[in-house]
Amino acid sequence: MAGRGRMLRHPMHDEMQGFHGSPPPYARGRGPMPPPLHAMEEEIAVRHDEIRRIHADNRRMIDENVAMKRDISAAKEELHVLSQAIRKVRADKEAKERELIQMGLKLEAELRALEPIKAEVLQLQSEAQKLDALRQEMTPKVLNMSQDLKHLQAENKQLPSLKMEVDGLRQELVRARTAYEYEKKANAEQMEQRQDMEKNLVSMAREIEKLRAEHTSTEKRARGAGIGAYGADVGYTGSLAGTYGAEKGLYGAGSWGSYESRGLPRH
């Protein structure tokens, strides 16, 4: 725009020189007549107005150019700031991407580390299902046990009376045991007495057998010595033999013989 103003200024200067300098020589002979003076003044006024307008436009364009330069400078500064911000954003983005990559690697490592835990969780889930099935299976049993417990509790209420019966039976048992011990002791004493009596009877039987043997031998000797000289003695001997015979019948074939052969009866 400034160059265009300069280009317009030179023709105007030439025209002004044409007016203020010496007038051009009139052509000799036949030719156009010069314009009148008032027309030239009007033309000059129009040209001056145009010059002022062009000058004003030029000034306005210069101001606009200065403003545009300021805007361009501000835009360059803003562009510089934006470029710095873009670099910072890029750096932050790269740092964030690296951080995300590191986090991804870390999560991947954690997931690999969680594989055994995952297997354990699956196992626990399987065990939980088994326990649930066992719970469903045990629920009826628990109900039955609860009913049995109620029955036992009802029976436990009867325990005091049963305890009284048991105490009574225990006392009877103590009395029976005492009586048994007493009877046992009495039977032991009776057994001792019977054993002593048996011993005495056996020794008496032996004494009787001894006397019987002696009587038999005496009787035999008396028979061998002679019947005539000892007639009266023979009768005495017969009576003695009859007496001992009675004793023999009493002790030999009677109760004493049984005691000697079998002993006393045991009760």
C-alpha atoms as a PDB file:
ATOM      1  CA  MET A   1       0.000   0.000   0.000  1.00  0.00           C
ATOM      2  CA  ALA A   2       2.867   2.406   0.751  1.00  0.00           C
ATOM      3  CA  GLY A   3       4.397   1.721  -2.660  1.00  0.00           C
ATOM      4  CA  ARG A   4       1.074   2.399  -4.295  1.00  0.00           C
ATOM      5  CA  GLY A   5       0.914   5.818  -2.593  1.00  0.00           C
ATOM      6  CA  ARG A   6       4.349   6.694  -3.818  1.00  0.00           C
ATOM      7  CA  MET A   7       3.435   5.725  -7.320  1.00  0.00           C
ATOM      8  CA  LEU A   8       0.436   8.033  -7.188  1.00  0.00           C
ATOM      9  CA  ARG A   9       2.497  10.932  -5.812  1.00  0.00           C
ATOM     10  CA  HIS A  10       4.801  11.339  -8.823  1.00  0.00           C
ATOM     11  CA  PRO A  11       2.113  11.977 -11.455  1.00  0.00           C
ATOM     12  CA  MET A  12       0.545  14.538  -9.166  1.00  0.00           C
ATOM     13  CA  HIS A  13       3.895  16.278  -8.831  1.00  0.00           C
ATOM     14  CA  ASP A  14       4.261  16.337 -12.587  1.00  0.00           C
ATOM     15  CA  GLU A  15       0.795  17.791 -12.962  1.00  0.00           C
ATOM     16  CA  MET A  16       1.563  20.415 -10.336  1.00  0.00           C
ATOM     17  CA  GLN A  17       4.720  21.291 -12.157  1.00  0.00           C
ATOM     18  CA  GLY A  18       2.691  21.673 -15.293  1.00  0.00           C
ATOM     19  CA  PHE A  19       0.423  24.181 -13.542  1.00  0.00           C
ATOM     20  CA  HIS A  20       3.012  26.133 -11.532  1.00  0.00           C
ATOM     21  CA  GLY A  21       5.722  26.230 -14.198  1.00  0.00           C
ATOM     22  CA  SER A  22       5.662  28.080 -17.447  1.00  0.00           C
ATOM     23  CA  PRO A  23       2.591  27.242 -19.443  1.00  0.00           C
ATOM     24  CA  PRO A  24       3.075  24.914 -22.316  1.00  0.00           C
ATOM     25  CA  PRO A  25       3.424  26.547 -25.564  1.00  0.00           C
ATOM     26  CA  TYR A  26       0.300  26.716 -27.579  1.00  0.00           C
ATOM     27  CA  ALA A  27       0.375  24.726 -30.641  1.00  0.00           C
ATOM     28  CA  ARG A  28       0.608  26.710 -33.572  1.00  0.00           C
ATOM     29  CA  GLY A  29      -1.929  26.397 -36.128  1.00  0.00           C
ATOM     30  CA  ARG A  30      -5.188  24.653 -35.473  1.00  0.00           C
ATOM     31  CA  GLY A  31      -5.489  22.590 -32.150  1.00  0.00           C
ATOM     32  CA  PRO A  32      -7.505  22.251 -28.893  1.00  0.00           C
ATOM     33  CA  MET A  33      -7.927  25.261 -26.678  1.00  0.00           C
ATOM     34  CA  PRO A  34      -6.598  25.104 -23.089  1.00  0.00           C
ATOM     35  CA  PRO A  35      -9.250  24.477 -20.374  1.00  0.00           C
ATOM     36  CA  PRO A  36     -10.622  27.425 -18.523  1.00  0.00           C
ATOM     37  CA  LEU A  37      -9.115  28.525 -15.200  1.00  0.00           C
ATOM     38  CA  HIS A  38     -12.055  27.687 -12.920  1.00  0.00           C
ATOM     39  CA  ALA A  39     -12.147  24.175 -14.339  1.00  0.00           C
ATOM     40  CA  MET A  40      -8.498  23.790 -13.526  1.00  0.00           C
ATOM     41  CA  GLU A  41      -9.057  25.054  -9.988  1.00  0.00           C
ATOM     42  CA  GLU A  42     -11.878  22.594  -9.495  1.00  0.00           C
ATOM     43  CA  GLU A  43      -9.657  19.869 -10.815  1.00  0.00           C
ATOM     44  CA  ILE A  44      -6.921  20.934  -8.443  1.00  0.00           C
ATOM     45  CA  ALA A  45      -9.372  20.962  -5.517  1.00  0.00           C
ATOM     46  CA  VAL A  46     -10.562  17.494  -6.457  1.00  0.00           C
ATOM     47  CA  ARG A  47      -6.974  16.321  -6.677  1.00  0.00           C
ATOM     48  CA  HIS A  48      -6.177  17.859  -3.286  1.00  0.00           C
ATOM     49  CA  ASP A  49      -9.181  16.112  -1.767  1.00  0.00           C
ATOM     50  CA  GLU A  50      -8.061  12.896  -3.300  1.00  0.00           C
ATOM     51  CA  ILE A  51      -4.541  13.445  -2.014  1.00  0.00           C
ATOM     52  CA  ARG A  52      -5.884  14.068   1.508  1.00  0.00           C
ATOM     53  CA  ARG A  53      -8.065  11.014   1.242  1.00  0.00           C
ATOM     54  CA  ILE A  54      -5.169   8.931  -0.027  1.00  0.00           C
ATOM     55  CA  HIS A  55      -2.938  10.347   2.707  1.00  0.00           C
ATOM     56  CA  ALA A  56      -5.583   9.511   5.292  1.00  0.00           C
ATOM     57  CA  ASP A  57      -5.902   6.035   3.828  1.00  0.00           C
ATOM     58  CA  ASN A  58      -2.136   5.724   3.838  1.00  0.00           C
ATOM     59  CA  ARG A  59      -1.967   6.837   7.491  1.00  0.00           C
ATOM     60  CA  ARG A  60      -4.751   4.451   8.366  1.00  0.00           C
ATOM     61  CA  MET A  61      -2.976   1.661   6.536  1.00  0.00           C
ATOM     62  CA  ILE A  62       0.274   2.533   8.306  1.00  0.00           C
ATOM     63  CA  ASP A  63      -1.575   2.383  11.622  1.00  0.00           C
ATOM     64  CA  GLU A  64      -3.115  -0.889  10.570  1.00  0.00           C
ATOM     65  CA  ASN A  65       0.328  -2.143   9.546  1.00  0.00           C
ATOM     66  CA  VAL A  66       1.752  -1.143  12.939  1.00  0.00           C
ATOM     67  CA  ALA A  67      -1.193  -2.820  14.631  1.00  0.00           C
ATOM     68  CA  MET A  68      -0.716  -5.868  12.455  1.00  0.00           C
ATOM     69  CA  LYS A  69       2.980  -5.917  13.340  1.00  0.00           C
ATOM     70  CA  ARG A  70       2.047  -5.724  17.004  1.00  0.00           C
ATOM     71  CA  ASP A  71      -0.504  -8.483  16.443  1.00  0.00           C
ATOM     72  CA  ILE A  72       2.082 -10.517  14.554  1.00  0.00           C
ATOM     73  CA  SER A  73       4.600  -9.965  17.347  1.00  0.00           C
ATOM     74  CA  ALA A  74       1.992 -10.924  19.920  1.00  0.00           C
ATOM     75  CA  ALA A  75       1.035 -13.884  17.753  1.00  0.00           C
ATOM     76  CA  LYS A  76       4.692 -14.893  17.478  1.00  0.00           C
ATOM     77  CA  GLU A  77       5.034 -14.564  21.251  1.00  0.00           C
ATOM     78  CA  GLU A  78       1.854 -16.528  21.717  1.00  0.00           C
ATOM     79  CA  LEU A  79       3.089 -19.052  19.171  1.00  0.00           C
ATOM     80  CA  HIS A  80       6.350 -19.304  21.104  1.00  0.00           C
ATOM     81  CA  VAL A  81       4.417 -19.781  24.316  1.00  0.00           C
ATOM     82  CA  LEU A  82       2.193 -22.294  22.581  1.00  0.00           C
ATOM     83  CA  SER A  83       5.213 -24.103  21.162  1.00  0.00           C
ATOM     84  CA  GLN A  84       6.708 -24.217  24.663  1.00  0.00           C
ATOM     85  CA  ALA A  85       3.379 -25.407  25.990  1.00  0.00           C
ATOM     86  CA  ILE A  86       3.152 -27.974  23.187  1.00  0.00           C
ATOM     87  CA  ARG A  87       6.639 -29.240  24.003  1.00  0.00           C
ATOM     88  CA  LYS A  88       5.662 -29.394  27.657  1.00  0.00           C
ATOM     89  CA  VAL A  89       2.432 -31.152  26.765  1.00  0.00           C
ATOM     90  CA  ARG A  90       4.360 -33.553  24.557  1.00  0.00           C
ATOM     91  CA  ALA A  91       6.875 -34.148  27.334  1.00  0.00           C
ATOM     92  CA  ASP A  92       4.036 -34.640  29.812  1.00  0.00           C
ATOM     93  CA  LYS A  93       2.304 -36.909  27.330  1.00  0.00           C
ATOM     94  CA  GLU A  94       5.468 -38.940  26.798  1.00  0.00           C
ATOM     95  CA  ALA A  95       6.025 -39.090  30.556  1.00  0.00           C
ATOM     96  CA  LYS A  96       2.398 -40.114  30.993  1.00  0.00           C
ATOM     97  CA  GLU A  97       2.763 -42.721  28.266  1.00  0.00           C
ATOM     98  CA  ARG A  98       5.930 -44.052  29.912  1.00  0.00           C
ATOM     99  CA  GLU A  99       4.128 -44.055  33.240  1.00  0.00           C
ATOM    100  CA  LEU A 100       1.181 -45.866  31.676  1.00  0.00           C
ATOM    101  CA  ILE A 101       3.553 -48.354  30.051  1.00  0.00           C
ATOM    102  CA  GLN A 102       5.259 -48.920  33.402  1.00  0.00           C
ATOM    103  CA  MET A 103       1.876 -49.283  35.061  1.00  0.00           C
ATOM    104  CA  GLY A 104       0.806 -51.728  32.351  1.00  0.00           C
ATOM    105  CA  LEU A 105       3.984 -53.767  32.837  1.00  0.00           C
ATOM    106  CA  LYS A 106       3.477 -53.648  36.589  1.00  0.00           C
ATOM    107  CA  LEU A 107      -0.153 -54.718  36.246  1.00  0.00           C
ATOM    108  CA  GLU A 108       0.882 -57.482  33.886  1.00  0.00           C
ATOM    109  CA  ALA A 109       3.463 -58.674  36.412  1.00  0.00           C
ATOM    110  CA  GLU A 110       0.863 -58.467  39.167  1.00  0.00           C
ATOM    111  CA  LEU A 111      -1.576 -60.434  37.020  1.00  0.00           C
ATOM    112  CA  ARG A 112       1.081 -63.089  36.440  1.00  0.00           C
ATOM    113  CA  ALA A 113       1.706 -63.116  40.176  1.00  0.00           C
ATOM    114  CA  LEU A 114      -2.047 -63.428  40.769  1.00  0.00           C
ATOM    115  CA  GLU A 115      -2.311 -66.571  38.660  1.00  0.00           C
ATOM    116  CA  PRO A 116      -1.654 -68.871  41.680  1.00  0.00           C
ATOM    117  CA  ILE A 117      -4.117 -66.804  43.709  1.00  0.00           C
ATOM    118  CA  LYS A 118      -6.626 -67.166  40.876  1.00  0.00           C
ATOM    119  CA  ALA A 119      -6.167 -70.926  40.967  1.00  0.00           C
ATOM    120  CA  GLU A 120      -6.539 -70.822  44.743  1.00  0.00           C
ATOM    121  CA  VAL A 121      -9.704 -68.727  44.380  1.00  0.00           C
ATOM    122  CA  LEU A 122     -11.103 -71.272  41.940  1.00  0.00           C
ATOM    123  CA  GLN A 123     -10.253 -74.029  44.394  1.00  0.00           C
ATOM    124  CA  LEU A 124     -11.895 -72.071  47.205  1.00  0.00           C
ATOM    125  CA  GLN A 125     -14.973 -71.568  45.051  1.00  0.00           C
ATOM    126  CA  SER A 126     -15.088 -75.308  44.409  1.00  0.00           C
ATOM    127  CA  GLU A 127     -14.704 -75.986  48.126  1.00  0.00           C
ATOM    128  CA  ALA A 128     -17.401 -73.407  48.850  1.00  0.00           C
ATOM    129  CA  GLN A 129     -19.738 -75.218  46.474  1.00  0.00           C
ATOM    130  CA  LYS A 130     -18.914 -78.505  48.187  1.00  0.00           C
ATOM    131  CA  LEU A 131     -19.527 -76.925  51.581  1.00  0.00           C
ATOM    132  CA  ASP A 132     -22.822 -75.538  50.339  1.00  0.00           C
ATOM    133  CA  ALA A 133     -23.844 -78.996  49.152  1.00  0.00           C
ATOM    134  CA  LEU A 134     -22.711 -80.407  52.498  1.00  0.00           C
ATOM    135  CA  ARG A 135     -24.731 -77.721  54.284  1.00  0.00           C
ATOM    136  CA  GLN A 136     -27.803 -78.662  52.291  1.00  0.00           C
ATOM    137  CA  GLU A 137     -27.147 -82.291  53.126  1.00  0.00           C
ATOM    138  CA  MET A 138     -26.558 -81.608  56.820  1.00  0.00           C
ATOM    139  CA  THR A 139     -29.581 -79.331  57.268  1.00  0.00           C
ATOM    140  CA  PRO A 140     -32.089 -82.221  57.654  1.00  0.00           C
ATOM    141  CA  LYS A 141     -29.679 -83.999  59.985  1.00  0.00           C
ATOM    142  CA  VAL A 142     -29.323 -80.858  62.064  1.00  0.00           C
ATOM    143  CA  LEU A 143     -33.107 -80.587  62.240  1.00  0.00           C
ATOM    144  CA  ASN A 144     -33.324 -84.207  63.382  1.00  0.00           C
ATOM    145  CA  MET A 145     -30.596 -83.586  65.937  1.00  0.00           C
ATOM    146  CA  SER A 146     -32.485 -80.520  67.139  1.00  0.00           C
ATOM    147  CA  GLN A 147     -35.571 -82.643  67.631  1.00  0.00           C
ATOM    148  CA  ASP A 148     -33.491 -85.263  69.445  1.00  0.00           C
ATOM    149  CA  LEU A 149     -32.058 -82.513  71.593  1.00  0.00           C
ATOM    150  CA  LYS A 150     -35.561 -81.375  72.477  1.00  0.00           C
ATOM    151  CA  HIS A 151     -36.433 -84.945  73.449  1.00  0.00           C
ATOM    152  CA  LEU A 152     -33.262 -85.155  75.529  1.00  0.00           C
ATOM    153  CA  GLN A 153     -34.084 -81.870  77.192  1.00  0.00           C
ATOM    154  CA  ALA A 154     -37.542 -83.209  77.977  1.00  0.00           C
ATOM    155  CA  GLU A 155     -35.938 -86.334  79.387  1.00  0.00           C
ATOM    156  CA  ASN A 156     -33.437 -84.248  81.336  1.00  0.00           C
ATOM    157  CA  LYS A 157     -36.368 -82.688  83.142  1.00  0.00           C
ATOM    158  CA  GLN A 158     -37.079 -86.166  84.501  1.00  0.00           C
ATOM    159  CA  LEU A 159     -33.513 -86.529  85.769  1.00  0.00           C
ATOM    160  CA  PRO A 160     -34.282 -85.353  89.343  1.00  0.00           C
ATOM    161  CA  SER A 161     -36.818 -88.143  89.845  1.00  0.00           C
ATOM    162  CA  LEU A 162     -34.452 -90.621  88.182  1.00  0.00           C
ATOM    163  CA  LYS A 163     -31.672 -89.367  90.407  1.00  0.00           C
ATOM    164  CA  MET A 164     -33.830 -89.949  93.463  1.00  0.00           C
ATOM    165  CA  GLU A 165     -34.526 -93.482  92.250  1.00  0.00           C
ATOM    166  CA  VAL A 166     -30.827 -94.051  91.632  1.00  0.00           C
ATOM    167  CA  ASP A 167     -30.018 -92.728  95.106  1.00  0.00           C
ATOM    168  CA  GLY A 168     -32.610 -95.080  96.576  1.00  0.00           C
ATOM    169  CA  LEU A 169     -31.175 -97.994  94.594  1.00  0.00           C
ATOM    170  CA  ARG A 170     -27.680 -96.997  95.697  1.00  0.00           C
ATOM    171  CA  GLN A 171     -28.757 -97.007  99.326  1.00  0.00           C
ATOM    172  CA  GLU A 172     -30.405-100.393  98.843  1.00  0.00           C
ATOM    173  CA  LEU A 173     -27.211-101.611  97.199  1.00  0.00           C
ATOM    174  CA  VAL A 174     -25.197-100.348 100.162  1.00  0.00           C
ATOM    175  CA  ARG A 175     -27.523-102.127 102.544  1.00  0.00           C
ATOM    176  CA  ALA A 176     -27.406-105.283 100.433  1.00  0.00           C
ATOM    177  CA  ARG A 177     -23.629-105.090 100.264  1.00  0.00           C
ATOM    178  CA  THR A 178     -23.446-104.609 104.018  1.00  0.00           C
ATOM    179  CA  ALA A 179     -25.731-107.589 104.538  1.00  0.00           C
ATOM    180  CA  TYR A 180     -23.689-109.587 102.042  1.00  0.00           C
ATOM    181  CA  GLU A 181     -20.458-108.734 103.824  1.00  0.00           C
ATOM    182  CA  TYR A 182     -22.053-109.660 107.120  1.00  0.00           C
ATOM    183  CA  GLU A 183     -23.352-112.951 105.696  1.00  0.00           C
ATOM    184  CA  LYS A 184     -19.996-113.590 104.078  1.00  0.00           C
ATOM    185  CA  LYS A 185     -18.235-113.009 107.375  1.00  0.00           C
ATOM    186  CA  ALA A 186     -20.754-115.202 109.186  1.00  0.00           C
ATOM    187  CA  ASN A 187     -20.397-117.912 106.536  1.00  0.00           C
ATOM    188  CA  ALA A 188     -16.624-117.701 106.872  1.00  0.00           C
ATOM    189  CA  GLU A 189     -16.930-118.197 110.632  1.00  0.00           C
ATOM    190  CA  GLN A 190     -19.356-121.079 110.107  1.00  0.00           C
ATOM    191  CA  MET A 191     -16.974-122.563 107.549  1.00  0.00           C
ATOM    192  CA  GLU A 192     -14.156-122.400 110.065  1.00  0.00           C
ATOM    193  CA  GLN A 193     -16.329-124.038 112.665  1.00  0.00           C
ATOM    194  CA  ARG A 194     -17.352-126.734 110.189  1.00  0.00           C
ATOM    195  CA  GLN A 195     -13.736-127.329 109.196  1.00  0.00           C
ATOM    196  CA  ASP A 196     -12.781-127.632 112.885  1.00  0.00           C
ATOM    197  CA  MET A 197     -15.683-130.003 113.505  1.00  0.00           C
ATOM    198  CA  GLU A 198     -14.679-132.023 110.437  1.00  0.00           C
ATOM    199  CA  LYS A 199     -11.131-132.286 111.671  1.00  0.00           C
ATOM    200  CA  ASN A 200     -12.379-133.375 115.104  1.00  0.00           C
ATOM    201  CA  LEU A 201     -14.724-135.939 113.605  1.00  0.00           C
ATOM    202  CA  VAL A 202     -11.989-137.313 111.358  1.00  0.00           C
ATOM    203  CA  SER A 203      -9.592-137.671 114.279  1.00  0.00           C
ATOM    204  CA  MET A 204     -12.379-139.318 116.335  1.00  0.00           C
ATOM    205  CA  ALA A 205     -13.060-141.726 113.473  1.00  0.00           C
ATOM    206  CA  ARG A 206      -9.380-142.577 113.304  1.00  0.00           C
ATOM    207  CA  GLU A 207      -9.315-143.187 117.062  1.00  0.00           C
ATOM    208  CA  ILE A 208     -12.350-145.426 116.750  1.00  0.00           C
ATOM    209  CA  GLU A 209     -10.749-147.372 113.911  1.00  0.00           C
ATOM    210  CA  LYS A 210      -7.620-147.715 115.995  1.00  0.00           C
ATOM    211  CA  LEU A 211      -9.649-149.008 118.963  1.00  0.00           C
ATOM    212  CA  ARG A 212     -11.524-151.326 116.628  1.00  0.00           C
ATOM    213  CA  ALA A 213      -8.274-152.741 115.295  1.00  0.00           C
ATOM    214  CA  GLU A 214      -6.951-153.196 118.809  1.00  0.00           C
ATOM    215  CA  HIS A 215     -10.202-154.911 119.848  1.00  0.00           C
ATOM    216  CA  THR A 216     -10.048-157.245 116.871  1.00  0.00           C
ATOM    217  CA  SER A 217      -6.463-158.228 117.605  1.00  0.00           C
ATOM    218  CA  THR A 218      -7.309-158.801 121.277  1.00  0.00           C
ATOM    219  CA  GLU A 219     -10.252-160.928 120.312  1.00  0.00           C
ATOM    220  CA  LYS A 220      -8.094-163.025 118.030  1.00  0.00           C
ATOM    221  CA  ARG A 221      -5.523-163.540 120.752  1.00  0.00           C
ATOM    222  CA  ALA A 222      -8.205-164.568 123.185  1.00  0.00           C
ATOM    223  CA  ARG A 223      -9.576-167.140 120.776  1.00  0.00           C
ATOM    224  CA  GLY A 224      -6.110-168.574 120.230  1.00  0.00           C
ATOM    225  CA  ALA A 225      -5.381-168.977 123.967  1.00  0.00           C
ATOM    226  CA  GLY A 226      -8.264-171.427 124.582  1.00  0.00           C
ATOM    227  CA  ILE A 227     -11.932-171.495 125.133  1.00  0.00           C
ATOM    228  CA  GLY A 228     -12.151-173.767 128.265  1.00  0.00           C
ATOM    229  CA  ALA A 229      -9.899-171.927 130.620  1.00  0.00           C
ATOM    230  CA  TYR A 230     -11.347-168.642 129.792  1.00  0.00           C
ATOM    231  CA  GLY A 231     -15.066-169.487 129.412  1.00  0.00           C
ATOM    232  CA  ALA A 232     -16.205-166.621 131.519  1.00  0.00           C
ATOM    233  CA  ASP A 233     -13.781-164.306 129.756  1.00  0.00           C
ATOM    234  CA  VAL A 234     -15.142-165.466 126.444  1.00  0.00           C
ATOM    235  CA  GLY A 235     -18.571-164.389 127.486  1.00  0.00           C
ATOM    236  CA  TYR A 236     -17.153-161.053 128.580  1.00  0.00           C
ATOM    237  CA  THR A 237     -15.340-160.788 125.377  1.00  0.00           C
ATOM    238  CA  GLY A 238     -18.530-161.486 123.491  1.00  0.00           C
ATOM    239  CA  SER A 239     -20.306-158.772 125.348  1.00  0.00           C
ATOM    240  CA  LEU A 240     -17.434-156.435 124.697  1.00  0.00           C
ATOM    241  CA  ALA A 241     -17.440-157.437 121.086  1.00  0.00           C
ATOM    242  CA  GLY A 242     -21.156-156.864 121.005  1.00  0.00           C
ATOM    243  CA  THR A 243     -20.605-153.448 122.465  1.00  0.00           C
ATOM    244  CA  TYR A 244     -17.867-152.669 120.006  1.00  0.00           C
ATOM    245  CA  GLY A 245     -19.973-154.224 117.348  1.00  0.00           C
ATOM    246  CA  ALA A 246     -22.619-151.711 118.142  1.00  0.00           C
ATOM    247  CA  GLU A 247     -19.984-149.071 118.039  1.00  0.00           C
ATOM    248  CA  LYS A 248     -18.787-150.545 114.793  1.00  0.00           C
ATOM    249  CA  GLY A 249     -22.263-150.412 113.466  1.00  0.00           C
ATOM    250  CA  LEU A 250     -22.535-146.833 114.715  1.00  0.00           C
ATOM    251  CA  TYR A 251     -19.234-145.553 113.520  1.00  0.00           C
ATOM    252  CA  GLY A 252     -18.280-147.928 110.757  1.00  0.00           C
ATOM    253  CA  ALA A 253     -21.442-148.330 108.784  1.00  0.00           C
ATOM    254  CA  GLY A 254     -23.177-145.222 110.084  1.00  0.00           C
ATOM    255  CA  SER A 255     -22.549-141.573 109.955  1.00  0.00           C
ATOM    256  CA  TRP A 256     -18.936-141.650 111.066  1.00  0.00           C
ATOM    257  CA  GLY A 257     -17.935-143.861 108.164  1.00  0.00           C
ATOM    258  CA  SER A 258     -19.488-141.419 105.774  1.00  0.00           C
ATOM    259  CA  TYR A 259     -17.631-138.530 107.394  1.00  0.00           C
ATOM    260  CA  GLU A 260     -14.373-140.422 107.174  1.00  0.00           C
ATOM    261  CA  SER A 261     -14.829-141.400 103.541  1.00  0.00           C
ATOM    262  CA  ARG A 262     -16.489-138.207 102.195  1.00  0.00           C
ATOM    263  CA  GLY A 263     -15.795-135.634 104.830  1.00  0.00           C
ATOM    264  CA  LEU A 264     -18.344-133.209 106.243  1.00  0.00           C
ATOM    265  CA  PRO A 265     -21.026-131.924 103.886  1.00  0.00           C
ATOM    266  CA  ARG A 266     -20.242-128.435 102.557  1.00  0.00           C
ATOM    267  CA  HIS A 267     -22.961-125.825 102.324  1.00  0.00           C
END
